Amino acid sequence: MKRRLFLQFYITIIVSLIVVVAAAGLLWRVAQNTSPARSAFDFAGELAAAVLPPSAAPVDQQKAALDKFAATLGTDLALFGADRVEIAAAGQRLPPPEDWQDSGGWVHARG
């Protein structure tokens, strides 16, 4: 009887640990795509795509649109190409974005 009770406790603890690990993994997977920061960056990207001219537009046209957008937002903005070379800037000079592949997806910033 005593041995059987011990076995029930042991199995209960193991099953509980498996359930907690599975729930944490599921929550990690689901919450990753629904974070407020991700939504904010998606919105900012859509807004910029709507306001700025296409990438094939002349640089002076991109600069004019970026200046107008920066004045509307009241902030410093910079536009970089895929190679992280500055195309246009409005306001104070901003550093180019870091290559996210170099940092494993982590965003390093002062906070």
N, C-alpha and C. Protein backbone atom coordinates (compact mmCIF):
# COMPACT_ATOMS: atom_id res chain seq x y z
N MET A 1 0.82 -1.19 0.00
CA MET A 1 0.00 0.00 0.00
C MET A 1 0.86 1.26 0.00
N LYS A 2 1.92 1.25 0.82
CA LYS A 2 2.80 2.40 0.92
C LYS A 2 3.55 2.62 -0.40
N ARG A 3 3.98 1.55 -1.03
CA ARG A 3 4.69 1.62 -2.30
C ARG A 3 3.78 2.15 -3.39
N ARG A 4 2.53 1.76 -3.39
CA ARG A 4 1.58 2.21 -4.39
C ARG A 4 1.30 3.70 -4.25
N LEU A 5 1.20 4.21 -3.04
CA LEU A 5 0.98 5.63 -2.80
C LEU A 5 2.17 6.44 -3.30
N PHE A 6 3.38 5.93 -3.04
CA PHE A 6 4.59 6.59 -3.52
C PHE A 6 4.58 6.66 -5.05
N LEU A 7 4.19 5.62 -5.70
CA LEU A 7 4.13 5.58 -7.16
C LEU A 7 3.10 6.58 -7.69
N GLN A 8 1.97 6.72 -7.03
CA GLN A 8 0.96 7.69 -7.44
C GLN A 8 1.49 9.11 -7.33
N PHE A 9 2.18 9.42 -6.22
CA PHE A 9 2.78 10.75 -6.07
C PHE A 9 3.81 11.00 -7.16
N TYR A 10 4.65 10.03 -7.41
CA TYR A 10 5.69 10.16 -8.41
C TYR A 10 5.10 10.41 -9.79
N ILE A 11 4.12 9.66 -10.19
CA ILE A 11 3.48 9.82 -11.50
C ILE A 11 2.76 11.17 -11.58
N THR A 12 2.12 11.57 -10.50
CA THR A 12 1.42 12.86 -10.47
C THR A 12 2.41 14.01 -10.68
N ILE A 13 3.55 13.96 -10.04
CA ILE A 13 4.55 15.03 -10.17
C ILE A 13 5.11 15.04 -11.59
N ILE A 14 5.42 13.90 -12.15
CA ILE A 14 5.96 13.83 -13.51
C ILE A 14 4.95 14.36 -14.53
N VAL A 15 3.70 13.94 -14.42
CA VAL A 15 2.65 14.41 -15.33
C VAL A 15 2.44 15.92 -15.18
N SER A 16 2.47 16.42 -13.95
CA SER A 16 2.32 17.86 -13.72
C SER A 16 3.44 18.63 -14.38
N LEU A 17 4.66 18.15 -14.25
CA LEU A 17 5.80 18.82 -14.90
C LEU A 17 5.66 18.83 -16.41
N ILE A 18 5.23 17.73 -16.98
CA ILE A 18 5.04 17.65 -18.43
C ILE A 18 3.96 18.64 -18.88
N VAL A 19 2.88 18.73 -18.13
CA VAL A 19 1.80 19.66 -18.47
C VAL A 19 2.28 21.10 -18.39
N VAL A 20 3.04 21.45 -17.35
CA VAL A 20 3.54 22.82 -17.19
C VAL A 20 4.50 23.17 -18.33
N VAL A 21 5.40 22.27 -18.66
CA VAL A 21 6.35 22.53 -19.75
C VAL A 21 5.62 22.67 -21.08
N ALA A 22 4.64 21.82 -21.34
CA ALA A 22 3.87 21.90 -22.59
C ALA A 22 3.07 23.20 -22.65
N ALA A 23 2.46 23.60 -21.55
CA ALA A 23 1.69 24.85 -21.52
C ALA A 23 2.61 26.05 -21.72
N ALA A 24 3.77 26.04 -21.09
CA ALA A 24 4.72 27.14 -21.26
C ALA A 24 5.20 27.23 -22.70
N GLY A 25 5.49 26.10 -23.32
CA GLY A 25 5.91 26.08 -24.72
C GLY A 25 4.82 26.60 -25.64
N LEU A 26 3.60 26.19 -25.40
CA LEU A 26 2.48 26.66 -26.21
C LEU A 26 2.27 28.16 -26.04
N LEU A 27 2.32 28.64 -24.80
CA LEU A 27 2.16 30.06 -24.54
C LEU A 27 3.28 30.86 -25.19
N TRP A 28 4.50 30.36 -25.12
CA TRP A 28 5.64 31.04 -25.74
C TRP A 28 5.42 31.16 -27.24
N ARG A 29 4.93 30.10 -27.86
CA ARG A 29 4.72 30.07 -29.30
C ARG A 29 3.58 31.00 -29.72
N VAL A 30 2.49 31.02 -28.96
CA VAL A 30 1.33 31.83 -29.31
C VAL A 30 1.58 33.30 -29.01
N ALA A 31 2.15 33.60 -27.85
CA ALA A 31 2.35 34.99 -27.44
C ALA A 31 3.42 35.69 -28.26
N GLN A 32 4.28 34.94 -28.89
CA GLN A 32 5.36 35.51 -29.68
C GLN A 32 4.82 36.34 -30.84
N ASN A 33 3.74 35.94 -31.44
CA ASN A 33 3.20 36.63 -32.61
C ASN A 33 2.18 37.69 -32.27
N THR A 34 1.82 37.84 -31.01
CA THR A 34 0.76 38.78 -30.65
C THR A 34 1.23 39.84 -29.66
N SER A 35 2.52 40.12 -29.62
CA SER A 35 3.02 41.10 -28.67
C SER A 35 2.65 42.51 -29.12
N PRO A 36 2.45 43.43 -28.18
CA PRO A 36 2.14 44.82 -28.55
C PRO A 36 3.26 45.47 -29.35
N ALA A 37 4.51 45.14 -29.04
CA ALA A 37 5.63 45.72 -29.78
C ALA A 37 5.59 45.29 -31.25
N ARG A 38 5.28 44.04 -31.48
CA ARG A 38 5.21 43.55 -32.86
C ARG A 38 4.10 44.28 -33.61
N SER A 39 2.96 44.48 -32.97
CA SER A 39 1.86 45.21 -33.60
C SER A 39 2.26 46.64 -33.90
N ALA A 40 2.98 47.26 -32.98
CA ALA A 40 3.41 48.65 -33.18
C ALA A 40 4.39 48.75 -34.35
N PHE A 41 5.33 47.81 -34.45
CA PHE A 41 6.28 47.84 -35.56
C PHE A 41 5.59 47.53 -36.88
N ASP A 42 4.62 46.64 -36.87
CA ASP A 42 3.85 46.36 -38.09
C ASP A 42 3.09 47.60 -38.53
N PHE A 43 2.47 48.29 -37.58
CA PHE A 43 1.73 49.51 -37.89
C PHE A 43 2.66 50.59 -38.43
N ALA A 44 3.82 50.76 -37.79
CA ALA A 44 4.78 51.77 -38.26
C ALA A 44 5.26 51.45 -39.67
N GLY A 45 5.48 50.18 -39.95
CA GLY A 45 5.89 49.78 -41.29
C GLY A 45 4.83 50.05 -42.34
N GLU A 46 3.59 49.75 -42.00
CA GLU A 46 2.48 50.02 -42.93
C GLU A 46 2.31 51.52 -43.15
N LEU A 47 2.44 52.30 -42.09
CA LEU A 47 2.31 53.75 -42.20
C LEU A 47 3.43 54.32 -43.08
N ALA A 48 4.65 53.88 -42.86
CA ALA A 48 5.78 54.35 -43.68
C ALA A 48 5.60 53.95 -45.13
N ALA A 49 5.12 52.74 -45.38
CA ALA A 49 4.91 52.27 -46.75
C ALA A 49 3.83 53.11 -47.45
N ALA A 50 2.85 53.58 -46.69
CA ALA A 50 1.79 54.38 -47.28
C ALA A 50 2.25 55.81 -47.57
N VAL A 51 3.17 56.33 -46.78
CA VAL A 51 3.59 57.73 -46.89
C VAL A 51 4.78 57.91 -47.83
N LEU A 52 5.72 56.97 -47.79
CA LEU A 52 6.95 57.13 -48.58
C LEU A 52 6.76 56.62 -50.00
N PRO A 53 7.50 57.21 -50.94
CA PRO A 53 7.42 56.73 -52.33
C PRO A 53 8.08 55.37 -52.46
N PRO A 54 7.86 54.67 -53.57
CA PRO A 54 8.48 53.35 -53.76
C PRO A 54 10.01 53.45 -53.79
N SER A 55 10.65 52.32 -53.57
CA SER A 55 12.12 52.31 -53.50
C SER A 55 12.77 52.69 -54.82
N ALA A 56 12.06 52.55 -55.93
CA ALA A 56 12.62 52.92 -57.24
C ALA A 56 12.51 54.41 -57.53
N ALA A 57 11.87 55.17 -56.63
CA ALA A 57 11.70 56.62 -56.84
C ALA A 57 13.04 57.32 -56.69
N PRO A 58 13.17 58.50 -57.31
CA PRO A 58 14.42 59.25 -57.17
C PRO A 58 14.69 59.63 -55.71
N VAL A 59 15.97 59.78 -55.38
CA VAL A 59 16.37 60.07 -54.00
C VAL A 59 15.79 61.40 -53.51
N ASP A 60 15.75 62.42 -54.38
CA ASP A 60 15.21 63.71 -53.95
C ASP A 60 13.72 63.62 -53.62
N GLN A 61 12.99 62.77 -54.32
CA GLN A 61 11.57 62.56 -54.02
C GLN A 61 11.42 61.83 -52.67
N GLN A 62 12.27 60.85 -52.41
CA GLN A 62 12.24 60.14 -51.13
C GLN A 62 12.61 61.08 -49.98
N LYS A 63 13.61 61.94 -50.21
CA LYS A 63 14.04 62.90 -49.19
C LYS A 63 12.92 63.87 -48.86
N ALA A 64 12.21 64.37 -49.88
CA ALA A 64 11.11 65.31 -49.66
C ALA A 64 9.98 64.65 -48.87
N ALA A 65 9.64 63.42 -49.22
CA ALA A 65 8.58 62.70 -48.50
C ALA A 65 9.00 62.41 -47.06
N LEU A 66 10.26 62.07 -46.86
CA LEU A 66 10.76 61.79 -45.51
C LEU A 66 10.77 63.05 -44.66
N ASP A 67 11.16 64.18 -45.25
CA ASP A 67 11.13 65.46 -44.52
C ASP A 67 9.71 65.81 -44.08
N LYS A 68 8.75 65.62 -44.98
CA LYS A 68 7.35 65.93 -44.66
C LYS A 68 6.84 64.99 -43.56
N PHE A 69 7.17 63.72 -43.66
CA PHE A 69 6.75 62.72 -42.67
C PHE A 69 7.36 63.02 -41.31
N ALA A 70 8.64 63.39 -41.28
CA ALA A 70 9.32 63.72 -40.03
C ALA A 70 8.72 64.97 -39.39
N ALA A 71 8.37 65.95 -40.22
CA ALA A 71 7.76 67.17 -39.69
C ALA A 71 6.38 66.87 -39.10
N THR A 72 5.64 66.00 -39.75
CA THR A 72 4.32 65.62 -39.24
C THR A 72 4.43 64.90 -37.91
N LEU A 73 5.39 63.99 -37.81
CA LEU A 73 5.56 63.22 -36.57
C LEU A 73 6.34 63.99 -35.51
N GLY A 74 7.09 65.00 -35.93
CA GLY A 74 7.90 65.77 -34.98
C GLY A 74 9.06 64.95 -34.44
N THR A 75 9.72 64.19 -35.30
CA THR A 75 10.82 63.34 -34.86
C THR A 75 11.89 63.26 -35.94
N ASP A 76 13.01 62.65 -35.60
CA ASP A 76 14.08 62.41 -36.56
C ASP A 76 13.82 61.08 -37.24
N LEU A 77 14.00 61.07 -38.55
CA LEU A 77 13.81 59.84 -39.31
C LEU A 77 14.97 59.66 -40.28
N ALA A 78 15.24 58.43 -40.62
CA ALA A 78 16.24 58.11 -41.63
C ALA A 78 15.74 56.93 -42.45
N LEU A 79 16.10 56.94 -43.71
CA LEU A 79 15.70 55.89 -44.63
C LEU A 79 16.97 55.18 -45.10
N PHE A 80 17.02 53.87 -44.89
CA PHE A 80 18.20 53.08 -45.25
C PHE A 80 17.82 52.04 -46.29
N GLY A 81 18.78 51.73 -47.15
CA GLY A 81 18.59 50.68 -48.14
C GLY A 81 18.81 49.31 -47.52
N ALA A 82 18.62 48.27 -48.32
CA ALA A 82 18.78 46.91 -47.83
C ALA A 82 20.22 46.64 -47.38
N ASP A 83 21.17 47.39 -47.94
CA ASP A 83 22.56 47.23 -47.55
C ASP A 83 22.93 48.13 -46.35
N ARG A 84 21.94 48.74 -45.73
CA ARG A 84 22.07 49.61 -44.55
C ARG A 84 22.85 50.89 -44.84
N VAL A 85 22.82 51.34 -46.08
CA VAL A 85 23.41 52.61 -46.46
C VAL A 85 22.29 53.65 -46.45
N GLU A 86 22.59 54.81 -45.85
CA GLU A 86 21.56 55.86 -45.73
C GLU A 86 21.17 56.39 -47.10
N ILE A 87 19.86 56.45 -47.35
CA ILE A 87 19.33 57.00 -48.59
C ILE A 87 18.92 58.44 -48.37
N ALA A 88 18.20 58.69 -47.26
CA ALA A 88 17.74 60.04 -46.94
C ALA A 88 17.58 60.14 -45.43
N ALA A 89 17.67 61.37 -44.91
CA ALA A 89 17.50 61.59 -43.47
C ALA A 89 16.82 62.92 -43.24
N ALA A 90 16.09 62.99 -42.13
CA ALA A 90 15.43 64.23 -41.72
C ALA A 90 15.70 64.41 -40.23
N GLY A 91 16.20 65.60 -39.86
CA GLY A 91 16.54 65.84 -38.46
C GLY A 91 17.96 65.39 -38.16
N GLN A 92 18.20 65.02 -36.91
CA GLN A 92 19.54 64.58 -36.52
C GLN A 92 19.88 63.24 -37.17
N ARG A 93 21.16 63.05 -37.37
CA ARG A 93 21.63 61.81 -38.01
C ARG A 93 21.36 60.62 -37.09
N LEU A 94 20.81 59.57 -37.66
CA LEU A 94 20.50 58.34 -36.92
C LEU A 94 21.45 57.24 -37.37
N PRO A 95 21.82 56.34 -36.45
CA PRO A 95 22.70 55.24 -36.84
C PRO A 95 21.95 54.24 -37.70
N PRO A 96 22.67 53.54 -38.56
CA PRO A 96 22.00 52.51 -39.37
C PRO A 96 21.53 51.36 -38.49
N PRO A 97 20.50 50.67 -38.91
CA PRO A 97 20.03 49.52 -38.12
C PRO A 97 21.08 48.42 -38.10
N GLU A 98 21.14 47.70 -36.99
CA GLU A 98 22.07 46.59 -36.90
C GLU A 98 21.52 45.42 -37.72
N ASP A 99 22.41 44.59 -38.16
CA ASP A 99 21.99 43.40 -38.89
C ASP A 99 21.43 42.42 -37.86
N TRP A 100 20.14 42.14 -37.91
CA TRP A 100 19.51 41.28 -36.91
C TRP A 100 20.06 39.87 -36.95
N GLN A 101 20.62 39.47 -38.08
CA GLN A 101 21.19 38.13 -38.17
C GLN A 101 22.47 38.01 -37.35
N ASP A 102 23.17 39.14 -37.16
CA ASP A 102 24.39 39.14 -36.34
C ASP A 102 24.07 38.94 -34.86
N SER A 103 22.88 39.36 -34.44
CA SER A 103 22.55 39.29 -33.02
C SER A 103 21.57 38.17 -32.69
N GLY A 104 21.26 37.32 -33.65
CA GLY A 104 20.36 36.20 -33.38
C GLY A 104 18.91 36.63 -33.20
N GLY A 105 18.54 37.80 -33.69
CA GLY A 105 17.16 38.26 -33.58
C GLY A 105 16.92 39.18 -32.41
N TRP A 106 17.90 39.31 -31.51
CA TRP A 106 17.73 40.20 -30.35
C TRP A 106 17.93 41.64 -30.78
N VAL A 107 17.13 42.53 -30.21
CA VAL A 107 17.28 43.95 -30.46
C VAL A 107 18.02 44.55 -29.28
N HIS A 108 19.22 45.05 -29.51
CA HIS A 108 20.03 45.64 -28.45
C HIS A 108 19.85 47.15 -28.48
N ALA A 109 19.33 47.70 -27.40
CA ALA A 109 19.12 49.14 -27.33
C ALA A 109 19.17 49.60 -25.89
N ARG A 110 19.43 50.88 -25.74
CA ARG A 110 19.39 51.44 -24.40
C ARG A 110 17.95 51.51 -23.95
N GLY A 111 17.71 51.24 -22.69
CA GLY A 111 16.31 51.23 -22.27
C GLY A 111 16.07 51.76 -20.93
